Amino acid sequence: MSALNDLLNLDLFDYTDKIIAEYIWIGGSGIDMRSKARTLRGPVTDPAKLPKWNYDGSSTDQAPGHDSEVILYPQAVFRDPFRRGSNILVMCDAYTPAGEPIPTNKRFNAAKVFSDPHVVAEEPWYGIEQEYTLLQKDVQWPIGWPVGGFPGPQGPYYCGVGADKAFGRDIVDAHYKACLYAGINISGINGEVMPGQWEFQVGPAVGISAADQVWVARYILEGDWNGAGAHTNYSTKSMREHGGLNVIKKAIEKLGLRHKHHIAAYGEGNERRLTGRHETADINTFSWGVANRGASIRVGRDTEKDGKGYFEDRRPASNMDPYVVTSMIAETTILLKP
């Protein structure tokens, strides 16, 4: 094991100008992540300087076997916290050989929204709260729960401290540091209301970079994102300036007009979460309020007090596609003309 660890921790910098680039993309389910590595000359920080690559889409449910080649376009580069040194993680999206985005490539349409001059002028900021639950390795049961049983009721676990409340903190802290190393703008972590459930926050980040960063943070942690939320905090330049509260209210009115459209795209199984209980709004009813965590949209007290700021869309599920959610919020609040 000592020799293996020595090799894993080997820094190639003094011996070669070659780097390892791990190309990452979203698989056929729209939730699973795939990756493979290649050797390149480095260092590289600009995705435009990286070559396109390909993979067998028939093995990821993204292409038929008789025409299985799918092309990866590098879109964002991050430092690799696993291999370290000058090695990199490369977030990609996927296209046919003819240059058409494949159906699971949600980044393509998001990029069109975020490149619209009206959206660019508004400099949309996002802060995405990714909730997740750590499961015991040998049994698919939350960490900290007795196998086949249930823990005590919620209360002591949210932001809890201590070995009997904060289960899995070593994994959470390792992920936190790995994200910072990678260059992800992870802004914090906290324990959630259920034992074994945690949350990390990405942002503030501008436009499509917020979604790129959430996907790479998910890759570093790797898991199934169903069963929790991904509250999305949002503001535009107009919302952050004097009189922004009125802009926020108009944006919320637009979101209400497209509530069903957003819900349909905000994650699978969301009806099991948005029940109107446990600090959620009912999935069929759009609502908003100041400091109300039981509403679809929450406006903070500071935003109300200052007359400007941001709001929180509490509807997205934890398994949502951040490319879809971020671009849809921008499209509805900036581009929609009711």
Protein backbone atom coordinates (compact mmCIF):
# COMPACT_ATOMS: atom_id res chain seq x y z
CA MET A 1 0.00 0.00 0.00
CA SER A 2 2.92 2.34 0.67
CA ALA A 3 4.15 2.07 -2.93
CA LEU A 4 0.62 2.59 -4.25
CA ASN A 5 0.13 5.70 -2.10
CA ASP A 6 3.53 7.02 -3.23
CA LEU A 7 2.48 6.67 -6.86
CA LEU A 8 -0.94 8.22 -6.25
CA ASN A 9 0.73 11.22 -4.63
CA LEU A 10 3.48 11.48 -7.24
CA ASP A 11 3.88 15.04 -8.54
CA LEU A 12 4.71 14.85 -12.25
CA PHE A 13 5.71 18.52 -12.50
CA ASP A 14 9.47 17.95 -12.07
CA TYR A 15 9.58 15.11 -14.60
CA THR A 16 7.35 15.97 -17.56
CA ASP A 17 5.32 18.74 -19.16
CA LYS A 18 2.46 16.29 -19.63
CA ILE A 19 -0.75 16.61 -17.60
CA ILE A 20 -3.79 14.40 -17.10
CA ALA A 21 -7.09 15.95 -18.18
CA GLU A 22 -10.23 14.25 -16.87
CA TYR A 23 -13.05 14.99 -19.33
CA ILE A 24 -16.43 15.01 -17.54
CA TRP A 25 -19.91 14.92 -19.06
CA ILE A 26 -23.53 14.15 -18.14
CA GLY A 27 -24.77 10.66 -19.03
CA GLY A 28 -27.94 9.40 -20.62
CA SER A 29 -30.17 9.70 -17.55
CA GLY A 30 -29.48 13.41 -17.34
CA ILE A 31 -28.28 12.87 -13.76
CA ASP A 32 -25.45 10.36 -13.95
CA MET A 33 -21.93 11.61 -14.63
CA ARG A 34 -19.28 10.04 -16.82
CA SER A 35 -15.59 10.78 -17.29
CA LYS A 36 -12.41 9.58 -18.93
CA ALA A 37 -8.84 10.84 -18.91
CA ARG A 38 -6.26 11.70 -21.53
CA THR A 39 -2.68 12.93 -21.56
CA LEU A 40 -1.98 16.43 -22.85
CA ARG A 41 0.79 18.98 -22.75
CA GLY A 42 0.20 21.51 -20.03
CA PRO A 43 -0.48 23.48 -18.05
CA VAL A 44 -3.89 24.44 -19.49
CA THR A 45 -6.44 26.81 -17.97
CA ASP A 46 -8.41 27.86 -21.06
CA PRO A 47 -10.99 25.32 -22.33
CA ALA A 48 -10.65 26.77 -25.84
CA LYS A 49 -7.10 25.42 -25.94
CA LEU A 50 -8.21 21.85 -25.23
CA PRO A 51 -9.03 19.40 -28.02
CA LYS A 52 -12.50 18.01 -28.59
CA TRP A 53 -12.80 14.32 -27.80
CA ASN A 54 -15.32 11.53 -28.34
CA TYR A 55 -16.90 8.57 -26.55
CA ASP A 56 -19.16 5.61 -27.24
CA GLY A 57 -22.65 7.00 -26.76
CA SER A 58 -24.27 3.59 -27.16
CA SER A 59 -22.73 2.63 -23.80
CA THR A 60 -24.24 5.64 -22.04
CA ASP A 61 -27.74 5.52 -23.64
CA GLN A 62 -26.93 8.60 -25.71
CA ALA A 63 -26.50 7.15 -29.21
CA PRO A 64 -27.51 4.05 -31.21
CA GLY A 65 -24.98 1.26 -31.65
CA HIS A 66 -24.77 1.69 -35.44
CA ASP A 67 -23.75 5.37 -35.08
CA SER A 68 -22.41 5.63 -31.56
CA GLU A 69 -19.78 8.38 -31.65
CA VAL A 70 -20.55 11.42 -29.50
CA ILE A 71 -18.25 14.45 -29.46
CA LEU A 72 -17.17 16.22 -26.26
CA TYR A 73 -16.65 19.99 -26.34
CA PRO A 74 -14.55 21.31 -23.41
CA GLN A 75 -16.38 24.18 -21.69
CA ALA A 76 -14.79 24.83 -18.27
CA VAL A 77 -11.51 23.90 -16.58
CA PHE A 78 -10.91 23.19 -12.88
CA ARG A 79 -7.89 22.03 -10.90
CA ASP A 80 -7.98 18.30 -10.15
CA PRO A 81 -8.09 17.75 -6.34
CA PHE A 82 -7.47 14.01 -6.75
CA ARG A 83 -4.37 14.02 -8.97
CA ARG A 84 -3.34 17.57 -8.02
CA GLY A 85 -0.31 19.23 -9.58
CA SER A 86 -1.14 20.74 -12.98
CA ASN A 87 -3.75 18.08 -13.72
CA ILE A 88 -7.26 19.29 -14.53
CA LEU A 89 -10.95 18.45 -14.55
CA VAL A 90 -12.72 19.49 -17.76
CA MET A 91 -16.48 20.02 -17.80
CA CYS A 92 -17.80 19.21 -21.27
CA ASP A 93 -21.05 19.10 -23.17
CA ALA A 94 -21.90 16.61 -25.90
CA TYR A 95 -22.71 16.84 -29.63
CA THR A 96 -23.25 14.65 -32.66
CA PRO A 97 -20.41 14.47 -35.20
CA ALA A 98 -22.44 16.95 -37.27
CA GLY A 99 -22.26 19.46 -34.44
CA GLU A 100 -25.82 19.17 -33.15
CA PRO A 101 -26.32 19.06 -29.35
CA ILE A 102 -27.57 15.64 -28.20
CA PRO A 103 -30.86 15.59 -26.20
CA THR A 104 -29.15 15.40 -22.78
CA ASN A 105 -27.02 18.45 -23.56
CA LYS A 106 -28.92 21.09 -21.62
CA ARG A 107 -25.90 23.39 -21.53
CA PHE A 108 -26.33 24.32 -25.21
CA ASN A 109 -29.68 26.06 -24.74
CA ALA A 110 -28.57 27.55 -21.42
CA ALA A 111 -25.59 29.14 -23.19
CA LYS A 112 -27.96 30.74 -25.72
CA VAL A 113 -30.02 32.28 -22.90
CA PHE A 114 -26.96 33.56 -21.05
CA SER A 115 -25.46 35.05 -24.22
CA ASP A 116 -28.61 37.09 -24.95
CA PRO A 117 -27.61 40.79 -24.71
CA HIS A 118 -30.48 41.56 -22.31
CA VAL A 119 -29.35 38.77 -19.96
CA VAL A 120 -25.68 39.77 -20.23
CA ALA A 121 -26.58 43.35 -19.31
CA GLU A 122 -28.35 42.14 -16.16
CA GLU A 123 -25.35 40.10 -14.90
CA PRO A 124 -27.44 37.33 -13.27
CA TRP A 125 -25.93 36.01 -10.05
CA TYR A 126 -26.74 32.61 -8.58
CA GLY A 127 -26.20 30.91 -5.25
CA ILE A 128 -27.27 27.27 -5.39
CA GLU A 129 -27.86 25.23 -2.23
CA GLN A 130 -27.21 21.57 -3.02
CA GLU A 131 -28.70 19.21 -0.44
CA TYR A 132 -27.71 15.55 -0.33
CA THR A 133 -27.82 12.53 1.98
CA LEU A 134 -24.85 10.30 2.80
CA LEU A 135 -25.70 6.59 2.71
CA GLN A 136 -24.02 3.73 4.56
CA LYS A 137 -21.74 1.81 2.21
CA ASP A 138 -23.10 -1.72 2.60
CA VAL A 139 -26.78 -0.89 3.09
CA GLN A 140 -28.66 1.85 1.28
CA TRP A 141 -29.65 3.59 4.49
CA PRO A 142 -28.66 7.08 5.68
CA ILE A 143 -25.47 7.33 7.70
CA GLY A 144 -26.20 7.80 11.39
CA TRP A 145 -29.49 5.88 11.18
CA PRO A 146 -29.81 2.49 12.88
CA VAL A 147 -29.99 -0.15 10.13
CA GLY A 148 -33.65 -0.82 9.38
CA GLY A 149 -34.71 1.73 11.99
CA PHE A 150 -35.17 5.44 12.42
CA PRO A 151 -33.39 8.17 14.41
CA GLY A 152 -34.98 10.57 16.83
CA PRO A 153 -37.15 13.39 15.44
CA GLN A 154 -35.64 16.43 13.72
CA GLY A 155 -34.49 19.26 15.92
CA PRO A 156 -30.90 18.66 17.05
CA TYR A 157 -29.45 17.83 13.61
CA TYR A 158 -29.73 21.09 11.64
CA CYS A 159 -26.31 22.77 11.90
CA GLY A 160 -25.70 20.24 14.67
CA VAL A 161 -22.38 19.73 16.42
CA GLY A 162 -21.04 16.49 17.85
CA ALA A 163 -20.57 12.86 16.84
CA ASP A 164 -24.17 11.99 17.74
CA LYS A 165 -25.62 14.71 15.50
CA ALA A 166 -23.22 15.54 12.64
CA PHE A 167 -22.71 12.19 10.90
CA GLY A 168 -20.17 12.08 8.07
CA ARG A 169 -18.49 15.41 8.74
CA ASP A 170 -15.09 14.05 7.61
CA ILE A 171 -16.50 13.35 4.13
CA VAL A 172 -18.22 16.73 4.02
CA ASP A 173 -15.06 18.63 5.02
CA ALA A 174 -12.96 16.67 2.52
CA HIS A 175 -15.41 17.62 -0.23
CA TYR A 176 -15.40 21.26 0.93
CA LYS A 177 -11.60 21.49 0.65
CA ALA A 178 -11.54 19.61 -2.66
CA CYS A 179 -13.99 22.12 -4.16
CA LEU A 180 -11.92 25.07 -2.96
CA TYR A 181 -8.80 23.45 -4.42
CA ALA A 182 -10.59 22.88 -7.73
CA GLY A 183 -11.50 26.57 -8.00
CA ILE A 184 -15.20 26.13 -7.35
CA ASN A 185 -16.74 29.10 -5.55
CA ILE A 186 -18.18 26.96 -2.77
CA SER A 187 -19.40 29.42 -0.17
CA GLY A 188 -20.28 27.15 2.74
CA ILE A 189 -21.63 23.88 4.15
CA ASN A 190 -24.04 22.91 6.91
CA GLY A 191 -25.77 19.91 8.40
CA GLU A 192 -29.44 19.65 7.43
CA VAL A 193 -32.56 18.72 9.38
CA MET A 194 -32.22 14.96 8.91
CA PRO A 195 -29.32 12.88 10.27
CA GLY A 196 -26.88 12.13 7.46
CA GLN A 197 -28.23 14.99 5.32
CA TRP A 198 -25.92 17.87 4.40
CA GLU A 199 -25.83 20.88 2.14
CA PHE A 200 -23.16 22.80 0.27
CA GLN A 201 -23.63 26.15 -1.40
CA VAL A 202 -22.07 27.26 -4.69
CA GLY A 203 -21.95 30.98 -5.47
CA PRO A 204 -22.26 33.76 -5.97
CA ALA A 205 -21.44 32.85 -9.56
CA VAL A 206 -22.43 34.62 -12.76
CA GLY A 207 -24.55 33.01 -15.45
CA ILE A 208 -23.68 29.59 -16.82
CA SER A 209 -20.55 29.30 -14.67
CA ALA A 210 -22.84 28.63 -11.68
CA ALA A 211 -24.15 25.48 -13.37
CA ASP A 212 -20.68 24.36 -14.48
CA GLN A 213 -19.46 24.66 -10.90
CA VAL A 214 -22.40 22.75 -9.39
CA TRP A 215 -21.90 19.88 -11.83
CA VAL A 216 -18.17 19.63 -11.04
CA ALA A 217 -18.88 19.85 -7.29
CA ARG A 218 -21.31 16.94 -7.77
CA TYR A 219 -18.64 15.04 -9.69
CA ILE A 220 -16.16 15.47 -6.84
CA LEU A 221 -18.71 14.20 -4.31
CA GLU A 222 -20.57 11.86 -6.73
CA GLY A 223 -23.99 10.56 -5.79
CA ASP A 224 -27.71 10.29 -6.41
CA TRP A 225 -29.40 13.65 -5.84
CA ASN A 226 -33.03 12.64 -5.32
CA GLY A 227 -35.02 13.33 -2.16
CA ALA A 228 -33.80 16.79 -1.15
CA GLY A 229 -33.77 20.34 -2.47
CA ALA A 230 -31.51 22.66 -4.43
CA HIS A 231 -32.77 26.08 -3.41
CA THR A 232 -31.59 28.62 -5.97
CA ASN A 233 -30.81 32.17 -4.91
CA TYR A 234 -30.92 34.73 -7.70
CA SER A 235 -30.46 38.39 -8.46
CA THR A 236 -29.91 40.65 -11.45
CA LYS A 237 -28.09 43.95 -11.67
CA SER A 238 -31.41 45.80 -11.53
CA MET A 239 -32.44 43.87 -8.41
CA ARG A 240 -29.18 44.74 -6.67
CA GLU A 241 -29.52 48.46 -7.34
CA HIS A 242 -31.76 51.14 -5.75
CA GLY A 243 -35.41 50.26 -6.30
CA GLY A 244 -34.54 46.63 -6.85
CA LEU A 245 -37.37 45.33 -4.66
CA ASN A 246 -39.91 46.44 -7.25
CA VAL A 247 -37.92 44.61 -9.94
CA ILE A 248 -37.94 41.52 -7.71
CA LYS A 249 -41.71 41.68 -7.29
CA LYS A 250 -42.22 41.94 -11.06
CA ALA A 251 -39.89 38.99 -11.58
CA ILE A 252 -41.84 36.94 -9.04
CA GLU A 253 -45.08 37.75 -10.89
CA LYS A 254 -43.53 36.36 -14.07
CA LEU A 255 -42.39 33.22 -12.25
CA GLY A 256 -45.95 32.73 -11.03
CA LEU A 257 -47.25 32.88 -14.60
CA ARG A 258 -44.91 30.03 -15.61
CA HIS A 259 -45.13 27.99 -12.40
CA LYS A 260 -46.16 24.72 -14.07
CA HIS A 261 -43.51 25.15 -16.75
CA HIS A 262 -40.79 25.54 -14.12
CA ILE A 263 -42.06 22.70 -11.93
CA ALA A 264 -41.97 20.34 -14.93
CA ALA A 265 -38.26 21.07 -15.34
CA TYR A 266 -37.19 21.36 -11.69
CA GLY A 267 -36.32 17.70 -11.02
CA GLU A 268 -37.75 14.19 -10.93
CA GLY A 269 -39.84 13.11 -7.94
CA ASN A 270 -40.34 16.69 -6.77
CA GLU A 271 -43.98 15.98 -5.92
CA ARG A 272 -42.76 13.82 -3.02
CA ARG A 273 -40.87 16.80 -1.58
CA LEU A 274 -43.14 19.78 -2.34
CA THR A 275 -46.03 18.66 -0.15
CA GLY A 276 -46.80 21.89 1.67
CA ARG A 277 -45.15 20.45 4.79
CA HIS A 278 -41.63 20.55 6.22
CA GLU A 279 -40.92 24.10 5.02
CA THR A 280 -42.08 23.50 1.44
CA ALA A 281 -44.84 24.96 -0.68
CA ASP A 282 -47.44 22.70 -2.27
CA ILE A 283 -46.26 21.76 -5.76
CA ASN A 284 -49.53 22.87 -7.39
CA THR A 285 -49.69 26.29 -5.75
CA PHE A 286 -47.38 29.23 -6.41
CA SER A 287 -46.70 31.54 -3.48
CA TRP A 288 -44.14 33.97 -2.21
CA GLY A 289 -43.42 35.76 1.03
CA VAL A 290 -40.83 37.60 3.07
CA ALA A 291 -38.78 35.20 5.24
CA ASN A 292 -41.34 32.46 4.49
CA ARG A 293 -39.65 29.09 3.97
CA GLY A 294 -43.03 27.52 3.29
CA ALA A 295 -43.43 29.57 0.09
CA SER A 296 -42.36 28.85 -3.47
CA ILE A 297 -40.27 32.03 -3.48
CA ARG A 298 -38.70 33.51 -0.35
CA VAL A 299 -37.60 37.14 -0.14
CA GLY A 300 -35.16 37.81 2.69
CA ARG A 301 -35.72 40.32 5.47
CA ASP A 302 -32.59 42.23 4.46
CA THR A 303 -33.85 42.54 0.90
CA GLU A 304 -37.15 43.93 2.15
CA LYS A 305 -35.36 46.30 4.52
CA ASP A 306 -32.82 47.54 1.95
CA GLY A 307 -35.30 47.72 -0.90
CA LYS A 308 -32.95 45.68 -3.10
CA GLY A 309 -31.11 42.36 -3.15
CA TYR A 310 -32.04 38.83 -4.18
CA PHE A 311 -34.70 36.16 -3.77
CA GLU A 312 -34.69 32.39 -3.31
CA ASP A 313 -36.53 29.94 -5.55
CA ARG A 314 -37.24 27.04 -3.17
CA ARG A 315 -38.85 24.76 -5.74
CA PRO A 316 -35.90 23.01 -7.48
CA ALA A 317 -35.24 19.43 -6.37
CA SER A 318 -31.74 18.24 -5.49
CA ASN A 319 -31.56 16.22 -8.73
CA MET A 320 -32.35 19.23 -10.92
CA ASP A 321 -30.10 20.10 -13.86
CA PRO A 322 -28.49 23.44 -12.92
CA TYR A 323 -28.15 24.37 -16.61
CA VAL A 324 -31.93 24.10 -16.94
CA VAL A 325 -32.86 25.85 -13.70
CA THR A 326 -30.46 28.80 -13.95
CA SER A 327 -31.27 29.55 -17.59
CA MET A 328 -35.01 29.12 -17.07
CA ILE A 329 -35.04 31.59 -14.18
CA ALA A 330 -33.09 34.12 -16.28
CA GLU A 331 -35.30 33.57 -19.31
CA THR A 332 -38.54 34.00 -17.34
CA THR A 333 -37.47 37.01 -15.27
CA ILE A 334 -35.52 38.92 -17.93
CA LEU A 335 -36.71 37.86 -21.37
CA LEU A 336 -40.39 37.00 -20.80
CA LYS A 337 -42.79 39.73 -21.92
CA PRO A 338 -46.20 38.82 -20.44
